[in-house]
PDB file of N, CA and C in Angstrom:
ATOM      1  N   MET A   1       0.836  -1.177   0.000  1.00  0.00           N
ATOM      2  CA  MET A   1       0.000   0.000   0.000  1.00  0.00           C
ATOM      3  C   MET A   1       0.884   1.244   0.000  1.00  0.00           C
ATOM      4  N   ALA A   2       0.641   2.140  -0.898  1.00  0.00           N
ATOM      5  CA  ALA A   2       1.461   3.336  -1.056  1.00  0.00           C
ATOM      6  C   ALA A   2       1.246   4.335   0.078  1.00  0.00           C
ATOM      7  N   TYR A   3       2.184   5.220   0.217  1.00  0.00           N
ATOM      8  CA  TYR A   3       2.077   6.289   1.198  1.00  0.00           C
ATOM      9  C   TYR A   3       1.356   7.470   0.571  1.00  0.00           C
ATOM     10  N   VAL A   4       0.743   8.316   1.408  1.00  0.00           N
ATOM     11  CA  VAL A   4       0.072   9.527   0.941  1.00  0.00           C
ATOM     12  C   VAL A   4       0.524  10.700   1.809  1.00  0.00           C
ATOM     13  N   ILE A   5       0.477  11.874   1.226  1.00  0.00           N
ATOM     14  CA  ILE A   5       0.858  13.096   1.923  1.00  0.00           C
ATOM     15  C   ILE A   5      -0.411  13.876   2.247  1.00  0.00           C
ATOM     16  N   SER A   6      -0.591  14.232   3.498  1.00  0.00           N
ATOM     17  CA  SER A   6      -1.786  14.948   3.929  1.00  0.00           C
ATOM     18  C   SER A   6      -1.644  16.453   3.686  1.00  0.00           C
ATOM     19  N   SER A   7      -2.714  17.158   3.969  1.00  0.00           N
ATOM     20  CA  SER A   7      -2.713  18.615   3.811  1.00  0.00           C
ATOM     21  C   SER A   7      -1.835  19.307   4.842  1.00  0.00           C
ATOM     22  N   ASP A   8      -1.290  18.556   5.793  1.00  0.00           N
ATOM     23  CA  ASP A   8      -0.360  19.116   6.778  1.00  0.00           C
ATOM     24  C   ASP A   8       1.008  19.414   6.163  1.00  0.00           C
ATOM     25  N   CYS A   9       1.223  18.969   4.923  1.00  0.00           N
ATOM     26  CA  CYS A   9       2.491  19.169   4.225  1.00  0.00           C
ATOM     27  C   CYS A   9       2.851  20.651   4.165  1.00  0.00           C
ATOM     28  N   VAL A  10       4.120  20.964   4.466  1.00  0.00           N
ATOM     29  CA  VAL A  10       4.605  22.340   4.415  1.00  0.00           C
ATOM     30  C   VAL A  10       5.501  22.569   3.197  1.00  0.00           C
ATOM     31  N   ALA A  11       5.517  21.618   2.274  1.00  0.00           N
ATOM     32  CA  ALA A  11       6.254  21.709   1.011  1.00  0.00           C
ATOM     33  C   ALA A  11       7.745  21.982   1.201  1.00  0.00           C
ATOM     34  N   CYS A  12       8.353  21.314   2.163  1.00  0.00           N
ATOM     35  CA  CYS A  12       9.783  21.512   2.423  1.00  0.00           C
ATOM     36  C   CYS A  12      10.658  20.715   1.459  1.00  0.00           C
ATOM     37  N   GLY A  13      10.125  19.618   0.915  1.00  0.00           N
ATOM     38  CA  GLY A  13      10.872  18.810  -0.045  1.00  0.00           C
ATOM     39  C   GLY A  13      11.714  17.700   0.553  1.00  0.00           C
ATOM     40  N   ALA A  14      11.710  17.554   1.865  1.00  0.00           N
ATOM     41  CA  ALA A  14      12.517  16.513   2.506  1.00  0.00           C
ATOM     42  C   ALA A  14      12.123  15.123   2.021  1.00  0.00           C
ATOM     43  N   CYS A  15      10.848  14.907   1.801  1.00  0.00           N
ATOM     44  CA  CYS A  15      10.379  13.594   1.344  1.00  0.00           C
ATOM     45  C   CYS A  15      10.912  13.268  -0.049  1.00  0.00           C
ATOM     46  N   ALA A  16      10.822  14.227  -0.953  1.00  0.00           N
ATOM     47  CA  ALA A  16      11.269  14.009  -2.328  1.00  0.00           C
ATOM     48  C   ALA A  16      12.772  13.761  -2.393  1.00  0.00           C
ATOM     49  N   GLU A  17      13.527  14.467  -1.579  1.00  0.00           N
ATOM     50  CA  GLU A  17      14.975  14.308  -1.552  1.00  0.00           C
ATOM     51  C   GLU A  17      15.388  12.914  -1.095  1.00  0.00           C
ATOM     52  N   ASN A  18      14.560  12.282  -0.268  1.00  0.00           N
ATOM     53  CA  ASN A  18      14.907  10.986   0.305  1.00  0.00           C
ATOM     54  C   ASN A  18      14.219   9.799  -0.352  1.00  0.00           C
ATOM     55  N   CYS A  19      13.420  10.033  -1.387  1.00  0.00           N
ATOM     56  CA  CYS A  19      12.717   8.939  -2.060  1.00  0.00           C
ATOM     57  C   CYS A  19      13.673   8.229  -3.026  1.00  0.00           C
ATOM     58  N   PRO A  20      13.921   6.932  -2.805  1.00  0.00           N
ATOM     59  CA  PRO A  20      14.882   6.209  -3.644  1.00  0.00           C
ATOM     60  C   PRO A  20      14.392   5.911  -5.067  1.00  0.00           C
ATOM     61  N   VAL A  21      13.086   6.060  -5.311  1.00  0.00           N
ATOM     62  CA  VAL A  21      12.549   5.760  -6.649  1.00  0.00           C
ATOM     63  C   VAL A  21      11.925   6.984  -7.317  1.00  0.00           C
ATOM     64  N   SER A  22      12.152   8.163  -6.764  1.00  0.00           N
ATOM     65  CA  SER A  22      11.631   9.425  -7.311  1.00  0.00           C
ATOM     66  C   SER A  22      10.121   9.392  -7.534  1.00  0.00           C
ATOM     67  N   ALA A  23       9.387   8.874  -6.555  1.00  0.00           N
ATOM     68  CA  ALA A  23       7.931   8.785  -6.652  1.00  0.00           C
ATOM     69  C   ALA A  23       7.229  10.050  -6.176  1.00  0.00           C
ATOM     70  N   ILE A  24       7.982  11.014  -5.675  1.00  0.00           N
ATOM     71  CA  ILE A  24       7.389  12.213  -5.088  1.00  0.00           C
ATOM     72  C   ILE A  24       7.730  13.434  -5.931  1.00  0.00           C
ATOM     73  N   SER A  25       6.683  14.233  -6.210  1.00  0.00           N
ATOM     74  CA  SER A  25       6.885  15.450  -6.990  1.00  0.00           C
ATOM     75  C   SER A  25       6.149  16.607  -6.324  1.00  0.00           C
ATOM     76  N   GLU A  26       6.541  17.808  -6.694  1.00  0.00           N
ATOM     77  CA  GLU A  26       5.935  18.992  -6.106  1.00  0.00           C
ATOM     78  C   GLU A  26       4.616  19.295  -6.800  1.00  0.00           C
ATOM     79  N   GLY A  27       3.555  19.421  -6.017  1.00  0.00           N
ATOM     80  CA  GLY A  27       2.246  19.785  -6.545  1.00  0.00           C
ATOM     81  C   GLY A  27       2.026  21.279  -6.403  1.00  0.00           C
ATOM     82  N   ASP A  28       0.796  21.719  -6.532  1.00  0.00           N
ATOM     83  CA  ASP A  28       0.487  23.148  -6.434  1.00  0.00           C
ATOM     84  C   ASP A  28       0.766  23.717  -5.041  1.00  0.00           C
ATOM     85  N   SER A  29       0.300  23.027  -4.005  1.00  0.00           N
ATOM     86  CA  SER A  29       0.473  23.550  -2.651  1.00  0.00           C
ATOM     87  C   SER A  29       1.190  22.585  -1.717  1.00  0.00           C
ATOM     88  N   GLN A  30       1.420  21.346  -2.189  1.00  0.00           N
ATOM     89  CA  GLN A  30       2.115  20.352  -1.372  1.00  0.00           C
ATOM     90  C   GLN A  30       2.721  19.300  -2.295  1.00  0.00           C
ATOM     91  N   TYR A  31       3.527  18.431  -1.730  1.00  0.00           N
ATOM     92  CA  TYR A  31       4.135  17.358  -2.513  1.00  0.00           C
ATOM     93  C   TYR A  31       3.139  16.221  -2.698  1.00  0.00           C
ATOM     94  N   ILE A  32       3.326  15.436  -3.760  1.00  0.00           N
ATOM     95  CA  ILE A  32       2.412  14.359  -4.127  1.00  0.00           C
ATOM     96  C   ILE A  32       3.215  13.080  -4.362  1.00  0.00           C
ATOM     97  N   ILE A  33       2.691  11.945  -3.903  1.00  0.00           N
ATOM     98  CA  ILE A  33       3.336  10.649  -4.112  1.00  0.00           C
ATOM     99  C   ILE A  33       2.600   9.902  -5.221  1.00  0.00           C
ATOM    100  N   ASP A  34       3.346   9.446  -6.219  1.00  0.00           N
ATOM    101  CA  ASP A  34       2.785   8.633  -7.299  1.00  0.00           C
ATOM    102  C   ASP A  34       2.687   7.201  -6.797  1.00  0.00           C
ATOM    103  N   ALA A  35       1.464   6.739  -6.514  1.00  0.00           N
ATOM    104  CA  ALA A  35       1.240   5.408  -5.941  1.00  0.00           C
ATOM    105  C   ALA A  35       1.726   4.292  -6.848  1.00  0.00           C
ATOM    106  N   ASP A  36       1.760   4.533  -8.151  1.00  0.00           N
ATOM    107  CA  ASP A  36       2.216   3.505  -9.086  1.00  0.00           C
ATOM    108  C   ASP A  36       3.729   3.304  -9.040  1.00  0.00           C
ATOM    109  N   VAL A  37       4.444   4.295  -8.542  1.00  0.00           N
ATOM    110  CA  VAL A  37       5.907   4.238  -8.477  1.00  0.00           C
ATOM    111  C   VAL A  37       6.396   3.918  -7.060  1.00  0.00           C
ATOM    112  N   CYS A  38       5.635   4.313  -6.060  1.00  0.00           N
ATOM    113  CA  CYS A  38       5.992   4.103  -4.657  1.00  0.00           C
ATOM    114  C   CYS A  38       6.233   2.625  -4.363  1.00  0.00           C
ATOM    115  N   VAL A  39       7.335   2.332  -3.661  1.00  0.00           N
ATOM    116  CA  VAL A  39       7.682   0.949  -3.298  1.00  0.00           C
ATOM    117  C   VAL A  39       7.467   0.680  -1.803  1.00  0.00           C
ATOM    118  N   ASP A  40       6.763   1.553  -1.129  1.00  0.00           N
ATOM    119  CA  ASP A  40       6.413   1.385   0.284  1.00  0.00           C
ATOM    120  C   ASP A  40       7.603   1.234   1.215  1.00  0.00           C
ATOM    121  N   CYS A  41       8.678   1.935   0.954  1.00  0.00           N
ATOM    122  CA  CYS A  41       9.864   1.805   1.800  1.00  0.00           C
ATOM    123  C   CYS A  41       9.755   2.613   3.091  1.00  0.00           C
ATOM    124  N   GLY A  42       8.921   3.675   3.100  1.00  0.00           N
ATOM    125  CA  GLY A  42       8.752   4.486   4.290  1.00  0.00           C
ATOM    126  C   GLY A  42       9.779   5.575   4.490  1.00  0.00           C
ATOM    127  N   SER A  43      10.692   5.723   3.571  1.00  0.00           N
ATOM    128  CA  SER A  43      11.737   6.738   3.693  1.00  0.00           C
ATOM    129  C   SER A  43      11.135   8.144   3.766  1.00  0.00           C
ATOM    130  N   CYS A  44      10.107   8.378   3.004  1.00  0.00           N
ATOM    131  CA  CYS A  44       9.470   9.696   2.991  1.00  0.00           C
ATOM    132  C   CYS A  44       8.882  10.032   4.360  1.00  0.00           C
ATOM    133  N   ALA A  45       8.130   9.087   4.930  1.00  0.00           N
ATOM    134  CA  ALA A  45       7.506   9.306   6.231  1.00  0.00           C
ATOM    135  C   ALA A  45       8.546   9.503   7.323  1.00  0.00           C
ATOM    136  N   ALA A  46       9.617   8.759   7.254  1.00  0.00           N
ATOM    137  CA  ALA A  46      10.671   8.863   8.263  1.00  0.00           C
ATOM    138  C   ALA A  46      11.385  10.206   8.219  1.00  0.00           C
ATOM    139  N   ASN A  47      11.363  10.872   7.065  1.00  0.00           N
ATOM    140  CA  ASN A  47      12.079  12.136   6.916  1.00  0.00           C
ATOM    141  C   ASN A  47      11.182  13.367   6.927  1.00  0.00           C
ATOM    142  N   CYS A  48       9.876  13.181   7.093  1.00  0.00           N
ATOM    143  CA  CYS A  48       8.953  14.316   7.093  1.00  0.00           C
ATOM    144  C   CYS A  48       8.992  15.021   8.467  1.00  0.00           C
ATOM    145  N   PRO A  49       9.373  16.296   8.498  1.00  0.00           N
ATOM    146  CA  PRO A  49       9.498  16.990   9.773  1.00  0.00           C
ATOM    147  C   PRO A  49       8.164  17.316  10.439  1.00  0.00           C
ATOM    148  N   VAL A  50       7.060  17.266   9.695  1.00  0.00           N
ATOM    149  CA  VAL A  50       5.751  17.570  10.271  1.00  0.00           C
ATOM    150  C   VAL A  50       4.822  16.364  10.310  1.00  0.00           C
ATOM    151  N   GLU A  51       5.378  15.188  10.055  1.00  0.00           N
ATOM    152  CA  GLU A  51       4.637  13.915  10.096  1.00  0.00           C
ATOM    153  C   GLU A  51       3.367  13.964   9.243  1.00  0.00           C
ATOM    154  N   ALA A  52       3.493  14.485   8.025  1.00  0.00           N
ATOM    155  CA  ALA A  52       2.353  14.622   7.125  1.00  0.00           C
ATOM    156  C   ALA A  52       2.203  13.427   6.182  1.00  0.00           C
ATOM    157  N   ILE A  53       3.016  12.388   6.350  1.00  0.00           N
ATOM    158  CA  ILE A  53       2.984  11.252   5.442  1.00  0.00           C
ATOM    159  C   ILE A  53       2.640   9.970   6.210  1.00  0.00           C
ATOM    160  N   ALA A  54       1.688   9.205   5.643  1.00  0.00           N
ATOM    161  CA  ALA A  54       1.275   7.952   6.260  1.00  0.00           C
ATOM    162  C   ALA A  54       0.881   6.966   5.171  1.00  0.00           C
ATOM    163  N   GLN A  55       0.798   5.693   5.533  1.00  0.00           N
ATOM    164  CA  GLN A  55       0.353   4.685   4.570  1.00  0.00           C
ATOM    165  C   GLN A  55      -1.128   4.881   4.307  1.00  0.00           C
ATOM    166  N   ALA A  56      -1.503   4.707   3.046  1.00  0.00           N
ATOM    167  CA  ALA A  56      -2.911   4.869   2.644  1.00  0.00           C
ATOM    168  C   ALA A  56      -3.757   3.733   3.156  1.00  0.00           C
TER     169      ALA A  56
END
């Protein structure tokens, strides 16, 4: 199950920098995870300073 980024995202980019498969991109107001590319490693959630990322 892929991870998702909530509206608590502050668009810092820490998640995208730490994603080993480049599944995260910058959206209009927050970052977005491409569920088709996500490998469920949890690196994004572990590096989010505001805990805005969780498994869907």
